Amino acid sequence: MTDIDKTAGPKDTPPAGAQAIKAIPVRHYGRYVTAVIAIAVLYAIVYAFAQGKINWHAVPDYFFDDRIMTGVGKTLLLTVLSMLIGIVGGIVLAVMRLSKNPVTSAIAWFYIWFFRGTPVLVQLFLWFNLGLVFEYINLMPIYKDYWSSFMTPLLTALLGLGLNEAAYMAEICRAGLLAVDEGQTEAAHALGMSHGKTLRRVVIPQAMRVIVPPTGNEVINMLKTTSLVAAVQFSELFRYAQDIGQNSGAPVEMYFLAAAWYLIMTSVLSVGQYYLERYYARGSSRTLPPTPWQKVKKNLTTFSSRKVTA
């Protein structure tokens, strides 16, 4: 035997199996500093408002006031009707924009160019003040009346918001239609389906995955944009809150109240948008994104398992 064989023994044999690695996490001191600064800034803002001359008791006193609730209802109604006009008009304009007919395509392009290039408030004032140009509206033999009587604040708001929204929805719908592979349309035509039926049965259902997310954002944006119609004498949430603030001597408090209601409504719409996107995501991915409740359950399970392990 050699000297190596004589000295080797069981105690010199390396242990079987992988040894546990003690990992030391990297410390990110910048994150701690940033968190401290953010908390300090937030505290300073809250403290400044707490020390200001704001009658915070006026907010809960008027939060469920009849006028405020009426304004909330009118705001939601105006949002729904304006979005219906915008979605229907957007689909029509998108189809016209993609048409091989140069006349219809040019008309759709001009419409989108004009309404996207001018502010909503300017468009609302234009509709509201057309009575200075046209004394009558004459749709003989169906309807004839003074323009001032015909163009009510509600109709002004619907035309101003809905027609403007149609220009943006046209681009969203056009992007969704272009996202569908042309082979789908060709296959539908090969089966004898008409162009309209192909759009309804094949193209639009697949385009919804692309159309739904930005449309949800447009709905939320429309809800906030309705506050502009107060300038054309249509009473909605912001207008009612403004009137209450002027009469009660608490205008700033009523602006906070209106902001709180807008936050509540946009939050509800955001949750609805999430579930709608999740619904149309079926088939495009193998695993759907977890719902907020599933995320909470997962975090609670992880926390409890860590607690038991400790």
Protein backbone atom coordinates (compact mmCIF):
# COMPACT_ATOMS: atom_id res chain seq x y z
CA MET A 1 0.00 0.00 0.00
CA THR A 2 1.15 3.50 -0.70
CA ASP A 3 1.38 6.25 1.89
CA ILE A 4 -1.78 7.86 0.44
CA ASP A 5 -3.79 4.66 1.00
CA LYS A 6 -2.54 4.37 4.58
CA THR A 7 -3.52 7.89 5.56
CA ALA A 8 -6.93 7.93 3.85
CA GLY A 9 -9.88 7.02 6.07
CA PRO A 10 -13.63 7.45 6.59
CA LYS A 11 -13.13 10.77 8.33
CA ASP A 12 -11.57 12.23 5.18
CA THR A 13 -14.47 11.19 2.89
CA PRO A 14 -16.64 14.21 1.86
CA PRO A 15 -20.22 14.06 3.19
CA ALA A 16 -22.85 12.78 0.79
CA GLY A 17 -25.54 15.15 -0.48
CA ALA A 18 -25.60 18.87 -1.09
CA GLN A 19 -24.74 21.13 1.77
CA ALA A 20 -27.18 23.90 2.76
CA ILE A 21 -26.10 27.29 1.44
CA LYS A 22 -26.53 30.21 3.79
CA ALA A 23 -27.66 33.04 1.52
CA ILE A 24 -27.26 36.60 2.78
CA PRO A 25 -29.71 38.96 1.05
CA VAL A 26 -28.33 42.14 -0.46
CA ARG A 27 -29.29 45.19 1.56
CA HIS A 28 -30.80 48.00 -0.47
CA TYR A 29 -30.24 51.03 1.71
CA GLY A 30 -31.53 53.36 -1.00
CA ARG A 31 -34.98 51.82 -0.71
CA TYR A 32 -35.08 52.52 3.02
CA VAL A 33 -34.02 56.12 2.49
CA THR A 34 -36.61 56.60 -0.26
CA ALA A 35 -39.36 55.11 1.93
CA VAL A 36 -38.46 57.41 4.82
CA ILE A 37 -38.49 60.47 2.54
CA ALA A 38 -41.86 59.45 1.03
CA ILE A 39 -43.40 58.97 4.48
CA ALA A 40 -42.04 62.34 5.62
CA VAL A 41 -43.47 64.13 2.57
CA LEU A 42 -46.85 62.41 3.05
CA TYR A 43 -46.90 63.37 6.72
CA ALA A 44 -46.07 66.99 5.84
CA ILE A 45 -48.95 67.15 3.34
CA VAL A 46 -51.44 65.60 5.77
CA TYR A 47 -50.26 67.90 8.56
CA ALA A 48 -50.59 70.98 6.34
CA PHE A 49 -54.19 70.12 5.43
CA ALA A 50 -54.99 69.26 9.05
CA GLN A 51 -53.76 72.67 10.18
CA GLY A 52 -55.56 74.52 7.39
CA LYS A 53 -58.85 76.33 7.87
CA ILE A 54 -60.94 73.55 6.39
CA ASN A 55 -64.26 72.51 7.85
CA TRP A 56 -63.87 68.76 7.44
CA HIS A 57 -67.21 68.13 9.15
CA ALA A 58 -68.99 69.61 6.12
CA VAL A 59 -67.83 66.72 3.92
CA PRO A 60 -69.72 63.92 5.76
CA ASP A 61 -72.67 66.26 6.36
CA TYR A 62 -73.26 66.70 2.62
CA PHE A 63 -71.80 63.39 1.41
CA PHE A 64 -75.22 61.76 0.88
CA ASP A 65 -77.14 64.96 0.27
CA ASP A 66 -80.00 64.59 -2.21
CA ARG A 67 -78.40 67.04 -4.62
CA ILE A 68 -75.08 65.21 -4.50
CA MET A 69 -76.75 61.84 -5.11
CA THR A 70 -78.69 63.35 -8.01
CA GLY A 71 -75.40 64.63 -9.41
CA VAL A 72 -73.82 61.19 -9.06
CA GLY A 73 -76.72 59.63 -10.95
CA LYS A 74 -76.56 62.20 -13.75
CA THR A 75 -72.79 61.79 -14.00
CA LEU A 76 -73.11 58.02 -14.41
CA LEU A 77 -75.96 58.40 -16.91
CA LEU A 78 -74.00 60.94 -18.96
CA THR A 79 -70.95 58.65 -18.89
CA VAL A 80 -72.91 55.64 -20.13
CA LEU A 81 -74.75 57.51 -22.90
CA SER A 82 -71.63 59.33 -24.09
CA MET A 83 -69.65 56.10 -24.19
CA LEU A 84 -72.43 54.37 -26.15
CA ILE A 85 -72.29 57.15 -28.73
CA GLY A 86 -68.50 56.97 -28.74
CA ILE A 87 -68.30 53.18 -29.08
CA VAL A 88 -70.91 52.91 -31.83
CA GLY A 89 -69.43 55.86 -33.69
CA GLY A 90 -65.91 54.52 -33.17
CA ILE A 91 -66.78 51.13 -34.68
CA VAL A 92 -68.40 52.78 -37.71
CA LEU A 93 -65.46 55.14 -38.20
CA ALA A 94 -62.94 52.31 -37.82
CA VAL A 95 -64.69 50.27 -40.51
CA MET A 96 -64.84 53.35 -42.73
CA ARG A 97 -61.17 54.08 -42.08
CA LEU A 98 -60.20 50.54 -43.14
CA SER A 99 -62.48 50.61 -46.17
CA LYS A 100 -60.95 50.37 -49.63
CA ASN A 101 -63.30 53.15 -50.72
CA PRO A 102 -61.15 56.31 -50.71
CA VAL A 103 -64.14 58.61 -50.08
CA THR A 104 -65.36 56.90 -46.90
CA SER A 105 -61.78 56.45 -45.69
CA ALA A 106 -61.05 60.15 -46.22
CA ILE A 107 -64.25 61.21 -44.42
CA ALA A 108 -63.35 59.03 -41.42
CA TRP A 109 -59.78 60.39 -41.41
CA PHE A 110 -61.02 64.01 -41.45
CA TYR A 111 -63.48 63.34 -38.61
CA ILE A 112 -60.78 61.75 -36.44
CA TRP A 113 -58.32 64.51 -37.29
CA PHE A 114 -60.75 67.30 -36.34
CA PHE A 115 -62.22 65.90 -33.13
CA ARG A 116 -58.90 64.64 -31.77
CA GLY A 117 -57.20 67.91 -32.61
CA THR A 118 -59.58 70.25 -30.76
CA PRO A 119 -60.24 70.37 -26.99
CA VAL A 120 -63.46 68.92 -25.59
CA LEU A 121 -64.33 72.19 -23.85
CA VAL A 122 -64.07 74.11 -27.13
CA GLN A 123 -66.36 71.58 -28.81
CA LEU A 124 -68.91 71.89 -26.00
CA PHE A 125 -68.98 75.69 -26.38
CA LEU A 126 -69.32 75.36 -30.14
CA TRP A 127 -72.39 73.14 -29.85
CA PHE A 128 -73.87 75.33 -27.12
CA ASN A 129 -73.45 78.60 -29.04
CA LEU A 130 -74.53 77.46 -32.49
CA GLY A 131 -77.81 79.19 -31.71
CA LEU A 132 -76.00 82.45 -32.51
CA VAL A 133 -75.53 81.18 -36.07
CA PHE A 134 -78.70 79.16 -36.65
CA GLU A 135 -81.96 80.60 -35.38
CA TYR A 136 -84.05 77.56 -36.27
CA ILE A 137 -83.48 73.87 -36.71
CA ASN A 138 -85.67 72.73 -39.56
CA LEU A 139 -86.03 69.01 -40.17
CA MET A 140 -89.28 69.22 -42.09
CA PRO A 141 -91.63 67.48 -41.89
CA ILE A 142 -90.29 65.78 -38.78
CA TYR A 143 -89.19 68.61 -36.49
CA LYS A 144 -88.91 72.38 -36.47
CA ASP A 145 -88.04 74.58 -33.49
CA TYR A 146 -85.74 77.32 -32.26
CA TRP A 147 -82.13 76.20 -31.98
CA SER A 148 -81.95 77.40 -28.38
CA SER A 149 -84.90 75.17 -27.48
CA PHE A 150 -83.54 72.19 -29.40
CA MET A 151 -79.94 72.33 -28.15
CA THR A 152 -80.56 71.63 -24.46
CA PRO A 153 -77.64 71.32 -22.00
CA LEU A 154 -78.09 67.52 -21.99
CA LEU A 155 -77.97 67.27 -25.78
CA THR A 156 -74.99 69.62 -25.85
CA ALA A 157 -73.15 67.43 -23.34
CA LEU A 158 -73.97 64.21 -25.22
CA LEU A 159 -72.87 65.62 -28.59
CA GLY A 160 -69.74 67.24 -27.22
CA LEU A 161 -68.57 64.22 -25.24
CA GLY A 162 -69.91 61.42 -27.44
CA LEU A 163 -68.69 62.72 -30.80
CA ASN A 164 -65.28 63.53 -29.36
CA GLU A 165 -65.04 60.06 -27.82
CA ALA A 166 -65.95 58.45 -31.15
CA ALA A 167 -62.72 59.80 -32.66
CA TYR A 168 -60.61 58.11 -29.97
CA MET A 169 -62.63 54.89 -30.03
CA ALA A 170 -62.18 54.75 -33.81
CA GLU A 171 -58.42 54.47 -33.42
CA ILE A 172 -58.79 51.90 -30.63
CA CYS A 173 -61.19 49.79 -32.70
CA ARG A 174 -58.99 50.12 -35.79
CA ALA A 175 -55.99 48.85 -33.84
CA GLY A 176 -58.05 45.91 -32.55
CA LEU A 177 -59.30 45.01 -36.03
CA LEU A 178 -55.79 45.18 -37.48
CA ALA A 179 -54.53 42.89 -34.70
CA VAL A 180 -56.65 40.01 -36.05
CA ASP A 181 -54.80 37.92 -38.61
CA GLU A 182 -56.03 38.38 -42.18
CA GLY A 183 -56.21 34.62 -42.57
CA GLN A 184 -59.24 34.63 -40.28
CA THR A 185 -61.11 36.93 -42.66
CA GLU A 186 -60.02 34.97 -45.70
CA ALA A 187 -61.15 31.70 -44.14
CA ALA A 188 -64.54 33.20 -43.26
CA HIS A 189 -64.99 34.49 -46.81
CA ALA A 190 -64.00 31.07 -48.17
CA LEU A 191 -66.85 29.59 -46.13
CA GLY A 192 -69.29 31.96 -47.83
CA MET A 193 -69.72 34.45 -44.98
CA SER A 194 -70.47 38.05 -45.93
CA HIS A 195 -68.22 40.94 -44.89
CA GLY A 196 -70.61 42.12 -42.16
CA LYS A 197 -71.10 38.61 -40.78
CA THR A 198 -67.35 38.06 -40.79
CA LEU A 199 -66.88 41.19 -38.72
CA ARG A 200 -69.60 40.20 -36.22
CA ARG A 201 -68.77 36.50 -35.87
CA VAL A 202 -65.01 36.27 -36.45
CA VAL A 203 -63.07 39.53 -36.38
CA ILE A 204 -64.69 41.59 -33.60
CA PRO A 205 -64.75 38.79 -30.95
CA GLN A 206 -61.01 38.27 -31.44
CA ALA A 207 -60.31 42.00 -31.55
CA MET A 208 -61.97 42.49 -28.16
CA ARG A 209 -58.80 41.38 -26.35
CA VAL A 210 -57.07 44.43 -27.82
CA ILE A 211 -60.05 46.79 -27.64
CA VAL A 212 -61.24 46.18 -24.06
CA PRO A 213 -58.24 47.47 -22.01
CA PRO A 214 -58.01 50.94 -23.63
CA THR A 215 -61.80 51.17 -23.74
CA GLY A 216 -61.90 50.67 -19.98
CA ASN A 217 -59.46 53.53 -19.62
CA GLU A 218 -61.65 55.67 -21.88
CA VAL A 219 -64.71 54.97 -19.70
CA ILE A 220 -62.84 56.09 -16.59
CA ASN A 221 -61.55 59.15 -18.42
CA MET A 222 -65.08 59.93 -19.65
CA LEU A 223 -66.40 59.79 -16.09
CA LYS A 224 -63.94 62.51 -15.10
CA THR A 225 -64.43 64.53 -18.29
CA THR A 226 -68.15 64.92 -17.54
CA SER A 227 -67.18 67.61 -15.05
CA LEU A 228 -66.55 69.92 -18.03
CA VAL A 229 -70.24 70.03 -18.96
CA ALA A 230 -70.84 72.31 -15.98
CA ALA A 231 -69.57 75.05 -18.29
CA VAL A 232 -72.61 74.54 -20.59
CA GLN A 233 -75.10 74.68 -17.70
CA PHE A 234 -75.67 70.94 -17.33
CA SER A 235 -76.00 70.01 -13.68
CA GLU A 236 -74.00 66.93 -12.66
CA LEU A 237 -71.86 66.03 -9.64
CA PHE A 238 -69.32 68.84 -9.97
CA ARG A 239 -71.99 71.48 -10.69
CA TYR A 240 -74.11 70.43 -7.70
CA ALA A 241 -71.05 70.36 -5.41
CA GLN A 242 -70.05 73.79 -6.67
CA ASP A 243 -73.53 75.22 -6.01
CA ILE A 244 -73.65 73.73 -2.50
CA GLY A 245 -70.21 75.12 -1.75
CA GLN A 246 -71.20 78.64 -2.79
CA ASN A 247 -74.43 78.56 -0.79
CA SER A 248 -72.94 76.98 2.35
CA GLY A 249 -69.71 78.98 2.38
CA ALA A 250 -67.57 75.84 2.11
CA PRO A 251 -66.44 75.68 -1.54
CA VAL A 252 -63.13 73.90 -0.88
CA GLU A 253 -64.82 71.27 1.27
CA MET A 254 -67.34 70.54 -1.50
CA TYR A 255 -64.51 70.14 -4.00
CA PHE A 256 -63.01 67.52 -1.70
CA LEU A 257 -66.44 65.87 -1.51
CA ALA A 258 -66.73 65.77 -5.30
CA ALA A 259 -63.20 64.37 -5.57
CA ALA A 260 -64.09 61.62 -3.09
CA TRP A 261 -67.14 60.61 -5.13
CA TYR A 262 -65.11 60.60 -8.35
CA LEU A 263 -62.53 58.37 -6.65
CA ILE A 264 -65.24 55.94 -5.52
CA MET A 265 -66.79 55.70 -8.98
CA THR A 266 -63.49 55.34 -10.81
CA SER A 267 -62.38 52.66 -8.35
CA VAL A 268 -65.54 50.64 -9.00
CA LEU A 269 -65.06 51.02 -12.74
CA SER A 270 -61.41 49.95 -12.42
CA VAL A 271 -62.46 46.72 -10.69
CA GLY A 272 -65.03 46.07 -13.41
CA GLN A 273 -62.42 46.75 -16.08
CA TYR A 274 -60.07 44.23 -14.46
CA TYR A 275 -62.63 41.42 -14.51
CA LEU A 276 -63.68 42.29 -18.07
CA GLU A 277 -60.07 42.13 -19.26
CA ARG A 278 -59.67 38.82 -17.42
CA TYR A 279 -62.76 37.46 -19.18
CA TYR A 280 -61.50 38.33 -22.66
CA ALA A 281 -58.00 37.05 -21.81
CA ARG A 282 -59.32 33.50 -21.91
CA GLY A 283 -57.70 31.57 -24.73
CA SER A 284 -54.83 34.01 -25.16
CA SER A 285 -52.92 32.71 -22.11
CA ARG A 286 -52.85 29.38 -20.31
CA THR A 287 -53.12 30.86 -16.84
CA LEU A 288 -55.40 33.79 -16.12
CA PRO A 289 -54.14 36.58 -13.84
CA PRO A 290 -55.31 36.11 -10.24
CA THR A 291 -58.24 38.13 -8.96
CA PRO A 292 -57.76 40.55 -6.04
CA TRP A 293 -59.43 38.05 -3.69
CA GLN A 294 -57.13 35.26 -4.90
CA LYS A 295 -54.13 37.51 -4.26
CA VAL A 296 -55.34 38.20 -0.71
CA LYS A 297 -55.87 34.49 -0.04
CA LYS A 298 -52.42 33.69 -1.41
CA ASN A 299 -50.75 36.32 0.78
CA LEU A 300 -52.66 35.13 3.86
CA THR A 301 -51.66 31.52 3.16
CA THR A 302 -48.01 32.51 2.69
CA PHE A 303 -48.06 34.55 5.90
CA SER A 304 -49.62 31.72 7.93
CA SER A 305 -47.16 29.16 6.57
CA ARG A 306 -44.23 31.39 7.48
CA LYS A 307 -45.64 31.85 10.95
CA VAL A 308 -45.97 28.09 11.45
CA THR A 309 -42.44 27.48 10.16
CA ALA A 310 -41.01 30.09 12.50
